C-alpha atoms as a PDB file:
ATOM      1  CA  UNK A   1     145.303 -26.727-150.707  1.00  0.00           C
ATOM      2  CA  UNK A   2     145.465 -30.134-152.344  1.00  0.00           C
ATOM      3  CA  UNK A   3     147.634 -32.899-150.923  1.00  0.00           C
ATOM      4  CA  UNK A   4     148.556 -34.072-154.439  1.00  0.00           C
ATOM      5  CA  UNK A   5     152.337 -34.035-154.989  1.00  0.00           C
ATOM      6  CA  UNK A   6     153.023 -33.212-151.331  1.00  0.00           C
ATOM      7  CA  UNK A   7     155.144 -35.342-148.991  1.00  0.00           C
ATOM      8  CA  UNK A   8     153.403 -37.221-146.236  1.00  0.00           C
ATOM      9  CA  UNK A   9     153.935 -35.843-142.754  1.00  0.00           C
ATOM     10  CA  UNK A  10     155.985 -37.793-140.212  1.00  0.00           C
ATOM     11  CA  UNK A  11     153.893 -40.257-138.184  1.00  0.00           C
ATOM     12  CA  UNK A  12     154.081 -43.431-136.165  1.00  0.00           C
ATOM     13  CA  UNK A  13     151.146 -45.750-135.473  1.00  0.00           C
ATOM     14  CA  UNK A  14     150.435 -49.217-134.134  1.00  0.00           C
ATOM     15  CA  UNK A  15     148.983 -51.855-136.429  1.00  0.00           C
ATOM     16  CA  UNK A  16     147.886 -55.466-136.423  1.00  0.00           C
ATOM     17  CA  UNK A  17     149.192 -57.765-139.162  1.00  0.00           C
ATOM     18  CA  UNK A  18     149.299 -61.541-139.455  1.00  0.00           C
ATOM     19  CA  UNK A  19     148.966 -62.260-135.745  1.00  0.00           C
ATOM     20  CA  UNK A  20     151.386 -59.580-134.565  1.00  0.00           C
ATOM     21  CA  UNK A  21     151.380 -55.976-133.435  1.00  0.00           C
ATOM     22  CA  UNK A  22     153.733 -53.857-135.525  1.00  0.00           C
ATOM     23  CA  UNK A  23     154.742 -50.205-135.869  1.00  0.00           C
ATOM     24  CA  UNK A  24     153.992 -48.337-139.081  1.00  0.00           C
ATOM     25  CA  UNK A  25     155.549 -44.951-139.804  1.00  0.00           C
ATOM     26  CA  UNK A  26     156.287 -42.556-142.622  1.00  0.00           C
ATOM     27  CA  UNK A  27     159.658 -44.283-143.017  1.00  0.00           C
ATOM     28  CA  UNK A  28     157.884 -47.666-143.352  1.00  0.00           C
ATOM     29  CA  UNK A  29     156.121 -46.292-146.436  1.00  0.00           C
ATOM     30  CA  UNK A  30     159.258 -44.900-148.071  1.00  0.00           C
ATOM     31  CA  UNK A  31     161.097 -47.032-150.612  1.00  0.00           C
ATOM     32  CA  UNK A  32     157.965 -48.689-152.004  1.00  0.00           C
ATOM     33  CA  UNK A  33     154.580 -47.735-153.380  1.00  0.00           C
ATOM     34  CA  UNK A  34     151.937 -47.561-150.668  1.00  0.00           C
ATOM     35  CA  UNK A  35     148.150 -47.495-150.700  1.00  0.00           C
ATOM     36  CA  UNK A  36     146.452 -46.038-147.624  1.00  0.00           C
ATOM     37  CA  UNK A  37     142.770 -46.860-147.370  1.00  0.00           C
ATOM     38  CA  UNK A  38     140.980 -44.917-144.626  1.00  0.00           C
ATOM     39  CA  UNK A  39     137.724 -46.258-143.194  1.00  0.00           C
ATOM     40  CA  UNK A  40     135.464 -44.860-140.456  1.00  0.00           C
ATOM     41  CA  UNK A  41     135.790 -47.586-137.827  1.00  0.00           C
ATOM     42  CA  UNK A  42     136.063 -51.276-137.113  1.00  0.00           C
ATOM     43  CA  UNK A  43     132.924 -53.383-136.649  1.00  0.00           C
ATOM     44  CA  UNK A  44     130.871 -51.345-139.111  1.00  0.00           C
ATOM     45  CA  UNK A  45     128.800 -52.439-142.091  1.00  0.00           C
ATOM     46  CA  UNK A  46     130.584 -51.389-145.278  1.00  0.00           C
ATOM     47  CA  UNK A  47     134.180 -51.530-144.043  1.00  0.00           C
ATOM     48  CA  UNK A  48     134.498 -55.345-144.018  1.00  0.00           C
ATOM     49  CA  UNK A  49     133.346 -55.452-147.657  1.00  0.00           C
ATOM     50  CA  UNK A  50     136.153 -53.079-148.616  1.00  0.00           C
ATOM     51  CA  UNK A  51     138.760 -54.990-146.638  1.00  0.00           C
ATOM     52  CA  UNK A  52     137.659 -58.221-148.303  1.00  0.00           C
ATOM     53  CA  UNK A  53     137.902 -56.523-151.720  1.00  0.00           C
ATOM     54  CA  UNK A  54     141.430 -55.312-150.895  1.00  0.00           C
ATOM     55  CA  UNK A  55     142.347 -58.806-149.637  1.00  0.00           C
ATOM     56  CA  UNK A  56     141.041 -60.375-152.845  1.00  0.00           C
ATOM     57  CA  UNK A  57     143.323 -58.033-154.851  1.00  0.00           C
ATOM     58  CA  UNK A  58     146.279 -58.101-152.457  1.00  0.00           C
ATOM     59  CA  UNK A  59     148.430 -60.389-154.612  1.00  0.00           C
ATOM     60  CA  UNK A  60     148.045 -57.921-157.490  1.00  0.00           C
ATOM     61  CA  UNK A  61     149.155 -55.028-155.265  1.00  0.00           C
ATOM     62  CA  UNK A  62     152.167 -57.030-154.114  1.00  0.00           C
ATOM     63  CA  UNK A  63     153.026 -57.968-157.704  1.00  0.00           C
ATOM     64  CA  UNK A  64     152.980 -54.227-158.476  1.00  0.00           C
ATOM     65  CA  UNK A  65     155.407 -53.642-155.591  1.00  0.00           C
ATOM     66  CA  UNK A  66     152.877 -51.901-153.344  1.00  0.00           C
ATOM     67  CA  UNK A  67     151.808 -52.414-149.750  1.00  0.00           C
ATOM     68  CA  UNK A  68     148.223 -51.812-148.648  1.00  0.00           C
ATOM     69  CA  UNK A  69     147.422 -50.203-145.295  1.00  0.00           C
ATOM     70  CA  UNK A  70     143.899 -50.048-143.881  1.00  0.00           C
ATOM     71  CA  UNK A  71     143.500 -47.176-141.392  1.00  0.00           C
ATOM     72  CA  UNK A  72     140.614 -46.646-138.957  1.00  0.00           C
ATOM     73  CA  UNK A  73     140.240 -44.469-135.872  1.00  0.00           C
ATOM     74  CA  UNK A  74     140.252 -47.579-133.649  1.00  0.00           C
ATOM     75  CA  UNK A  75     143.186 -49.131-131.815  1.00  0.00           C
ATOM     76  CA  UNK A  76     145.334 -51.992-133.054  1.00  0.00           C
ATOM     77  CA  UNK A  77     143.732 -54.081-130.290  1.00  0.00           C
ATOM     78  CA  UNK A  78     140.315 -53.579-131.897  1.00  0.00           C
ATOM     79  CA  UNK A  79     141.808 -54.564-135.233  1.00  0.00           C
ATOM     80  CA  UNK A  80     143.084 -57.828-133.763  1.00  0.00           C
ATOM     81  CA  UNK A  81     139.606 -58.786-132.519  1.00  0.00           C
ATOM     82  CA  UNK A  82     138.000 -57.558-135.763  1.00  0.00           C
ATOM     83  CA  UNK A  83     140.417 -59.721-137.764  1.00  0.00           C
ATOM     84  CA  UNK A  84     139.631 -62.729-135.579  1.00  0.00           C
ATOM     85  CA  UNK A  85     135.836 -62.351-135.621  1.00  0.00           C
ATOM     86  CA  UNK A  86     134.960 -61.136-139.131  1.00  0.00           C
ATOM     87  CA  UNK A  87     135.376 -63.649-141.965  1.00  0.00           C
ATOM     88  CA  UNK A  88     135.843 -60.766-144.454  1.00  0.00           C
ATOM     89  CA  UNK A  89     138.417 -58.889-142.344  1.00  0.00           C
ATOM     90  CA  UNK A  90     140.105 -62.183-141.492  1.00  0.00           C
ATOM     91  CA  UNK A  91     141.281 -62.409-145.114  1.00  0.00           C
ATOM     92  CA  UNK A  92     143.527 -59.351-144.636  1.00  0.00           C
ATOM     93  CA  UNK A  93     147.258 -60.037-144.713  1.00  0.00           C
ATOM     94  CA  UNK A  94     148.157 -56.335-144.848  1.00  0.00           C
ATOM     95  CA  UNK A  95     148.500 -54.011-141.837  1.00  0.00           C
ATOM     96  CA  UNK A  96     145.356 -52.792-140.095  1.00  0.00           C
ATOM     97  CA  UNK A  97     146.525 -49.455-138.700  1.00  0.00           C
ATOM     98  CA  UNK A  98     144.999 -47.855-135.617  1.00  0.00           C
ATOM     99  CA  UNK A  99     144.634 -44.089-135.420  1.00  0.00           C
ATOM    100  CA  UNK A 100     142.889 -43.404-132.090  1.00  0.00           C
ATOM    101  CA  UNK A 101     144.677 -40.039-131.737  1.00  0.00           C
ATOM    102  CA  UNK A 102     143.496 -38.967-135.214  1.00  0.00           C
ATOM    103  CA  UNK A 103     147.021 -37.989-136.234  1.00  0.00           C
ATOM    104  CA  UNK A 104     146.674 -39.722-139.612  1.00  0.00           C
ATOM    105  CA  UNK A 105     143.059 -38.801-140.320  1.00  0.00           C
ATOM    106  CA  UNK A 106     143.901 -35.148-139.690  1.00  0.00           C
ATOM    107  CA  UNK A 107     147.145 -35.241-141.707  1.00  0.00           C
ATOM    108  CA  UNK A 108     145.346 -36.736-144.696  1.00  0.00           C
ATOM    109  CA  UNK A 109     142.277 -34.480-144.428  1.00  0.00           C
ATOM    110  CA  UNK A 110     139.725 -37.253-143.795  1.00  0.00           C
ATOM    111  CA  UNK A 111     138.864 -36.607-140.136  1.00  0.00           C
ATOM    112  CA  UNK A 112     135.239 -35.972-139.118  1.00  0.00           C
ATOM    113  CA  UNK A 113     135.699 -34.017-135.850  1.00  0.00           C
ATOM    114  CA  UNK A 114     132.104 -34.205-134.655  1.00  0.00           C
ATOM    115  CA  UNK A 115     132.091 -38.007-135.032  1.00  0.00           C
ATOM    116  CA  UNK A 116     135.712 -38.870-134.231  1.00  0.00           C
ATOM    117  CA  UNK A 117     135.711 -41.035-137.369  1.00  0.00           C
ATOM    118  CA  UNK A 118     137.316 -40.963-140.806  1.00  0.00           C
ATOM    119  CA  UNK A 119     135.810 -40.410-144.215  1.00  0.00           C
ATOM    120  CA  UNK A 120     136.539 -43.050-146.850  1.00  0.00           C
ATOM    121  CA  UNK A 121     139.819 -41.830-148.280  1.00  0.00           C
ATOM    122  CA  UNK A 122     142.250 -43.613-150.588  1.00  0.00           C
ATOM    123  CA  UNK A 123     145.801 -42.370-151.124  1.00  0.00           C
ATOM    124  CA  UNK A 124     148.496 -43.736-153.435  1.00  0.00           C
ATOM    125  CA  UNK A 125     151.958 -42.717-152.263  1.00  0.00           C
ATOM    126  CA  UNK A 126     155.151 -43.127-154.298  1.00  0.00           C
ATOM    127  CA  UNK A 127     158.410 -44.546-152.891  1.00  0.00           C
ATOM    128  CA  UNK A 128     159.640 -41.026-152.054  1.00  0.00           C
ATOM    129  CA  UNK A 129     156.622 -40.452-149.775  1.00  0.00           C
ATOM    130  CA  UNK A 130     154.756 -38.169-152.207  1.00  0.00           C
ATOM    131  CA  UNK A 131     150.981 -38.451-152.592  1.00  0.00           C
ATOM    132  CA  UNK A 132     150.164 -39.137-156.249  1.00  0.00           C
ATOM    133  CA  UNK A 133     146.406 -39.837-156.095  1.00  0.00           C
ATOM    134  CA  UNK A 134     143.669 -39.272-153.586  1.00  0.00           C
ATOM    135  CA  UNK A 135     139.980 -39.979-153.436  1.00  0.00           C
ATOM    136  CA  UNK A 136     137.757 -38.936-150.544  1.00  0.00           C
ATOM    137  CA  UNK A 137     134.054 -39.520-150.344  1.00  0.00           C
ATOM    138  CA  UNK A 138     131.086 -39.984-148.049  1.00  0.00           C
ATOM    139  CA  UNK A 139     131.003 -43.041-145.815  1.00  0.00           C
ATOM    140  CA  UNK A 140     127.864 -44.633-147.226  1.00  0.00           C
ATOM    141  CA  UNK A 141     129.646 -45.295-150.544  1.00  0.00           C
ATOM    142  CA  UNK A 142     132.126 -48.177-150.541  1.00  0.00           C
ATOM    143  CA  UNK A 143     135.016 -48.277-153.018  1.00  0.00           C
ATOM    144  CA  UNK A 144     136.031 -50.635-155.808  1.00  0.00           C
ATOM    145  CA  UNK A 145     139.646 -51.625-155.123  1.00  0.00           C
ATOM    146  CA  UNK A 146     140.206 -52.640-158.754  1.00  0.00           C
ATOM    147  CA  UNK A 147     140.016 -48.925-159.616  1.00  0.00           C
ATOM    148  CA  UNK A 148     142.637 -48.193-156.953  1.00  0.00           C
ATOM    149  CA  UNK A 149     144.862 -50.851-158.510  1.00  0.00           C
ATOM    150  CA  UNK A 150     144.364 -49.255-161.954  1.00  0.00           C
ATOM    151  CA  UNK A 151     145.346 -45.839-160.571  1.00  0.00           C
ATOM    152  CA  UNK A 152     148.409 -47.343-158.874  1.00  0.00           C
ATOM    153  CA  UNK A 153     149.582 -48.835-162.164  1.00  0.00           C
ATOM    154  CA  UNK A 154     148.960 -45.536-163.967  1.00  0.00           C
ATOM    155  CA  UNK A 155     150.966 -43.640-161.326  1.00  0.00           C
ATOM    156  CA  UNK A 156     153.782 -46.173-161.631  1.00  0.00           C
ATOM    157  CA  UNK A 157     153.737 -45.950-165.435  1.00  0.00           C
ATOM    158  CA  UNK A 158     153.888 -42.147-165.498  1.00  0.00           C
ATOM    159  CA  UNK A 159     156.660 -42.166-162.871  1.00  0.00           C
ATOM    160  CA  UNK A 160     158.708 -44.456-165.128  1.00  0.00           C
ATOM    161  CA  UNK A 161     157.683 -42.573-168.302  1.00  0.00           C
ATOM    162  CA  UNK A 162     157.513 -38.871-167.374  1.00  0.00           C
ATOM    163  CA  UNK A 163     156.768 -37.747-170.949  1.00  0.00           C
ATOM    164  CA  UNK A 164     153.618 -39.870-171.141  1.00  0.00           C
ATOM    165  CA  UNK A 165     150.086 -39.482-169.774  1.00  0.00           C
ATOM    166  CA  UNK A 166     147.460 -42.155-169.234  1.00  0.00           C
ATOM    167  CA  UNK A 167     144.115 -41.363-170.908  1.00  0.00           C
ATOM    168  CA  UNK A 168     140.679 -42.122-169.477  1.00  0.00           C
ATOM    169  CA  UNK A 169     140.079 -45.774-168.599  1.00  0.00           C
ATOM    170  CA  UNK A 170     143.745 -46.586-169.304  1.00  0.00           C
ATOM    171  CA  UNK A 171     144.792 -50.061-168.232  1.00  0.00           C
ATOM    172  CA  UNK A 172     148.284 -51.520-167.994  1.00  0.00           C
ATOM    173  CA  UNK A 173     149.691 -52.296-171.444  1.00  0.00           C
ATOM    174  CA  UNK A 174     147.328 -49.979-173.301  1.00  0.00           C
ATOM    175  CA  UNK A 175     148.334 -46.984-175.397  1.00  0.00           C
ATOM    176  CA  UNK A 176     149.332 -43.784-173.642  1.00  0.00           C
ATOM    177  CA  UNK A 177     149.646 -40.241-174.972  1.00  0.00           C
ATOM    178  CA  UNK A 178     152.664 -38.022-175.470  1.00  0.00           C
ATOM    179  CA  UNK A 179     151.486 -34.474-174.749  1.00  0.00           C
ATOM    180  CA  UNK A 180     152.356 -32.100-177.566  1.00  0.00           C
ATOM    181  CA  UNK A 181     151.044 -29.100-179.436  1.00  0.00           C
ATOM    182  CA  UNK A 182     150.109 -31.490-182.276  1.00  0.00           C
ATOM    183  CA  UNK A 183     147.492 -33.182-180.072  1.00  0.00           C
ATOM    184  CA  UNK A 184     145.684 -29.993-179.040  1.00  0.00           C
ATOM    185  CA  UNK A 185     142.225 -30.099-180.578  1.00  0.00           C
ATOM    186  CA  UNK A 186     142.871 -33.437-182.310  1.00  0.00           C
ATOM    187  CA  UNK A 187     141.507 -35.807-179.686  1.00  0.00           C
END
């Protein structure tokens, strides 16, 4: 069963953000758009490149009214040290969420039981706590956060304009489509 258009399950986790330990929960995510980016573990090879990419785009996510959450199977203590020792991770101003119990990785279907790690999963969640997009892939392939930002804006547009759809490669401000019988076979 797909997680698309399902509500996130209740959770509570510890995170590190801007020099402090904080709590993050399902209620933290509600009321705003949220982007959860799952990574295998701290102190790995590809993960810092993705965090740096997210950090470089963070102002755009905030402008779009969305918070970014990085989730690994480590503890928030590991995230503190990772943030302090990695120049790439040190750019992160968003929460680095620890999931040592695998509650989140299991709930979002990205857990690798035999490794105790997460697959690379990206989830865009609307303000009501409903998953609108998801992408899960193998850990050797890092993501391009600009595509996540594009998907966020498309999800926000279609939420505000329920009679419209965003075509392939749609970017904010471009033409959308109004589904109708007249379009069938014409595109």
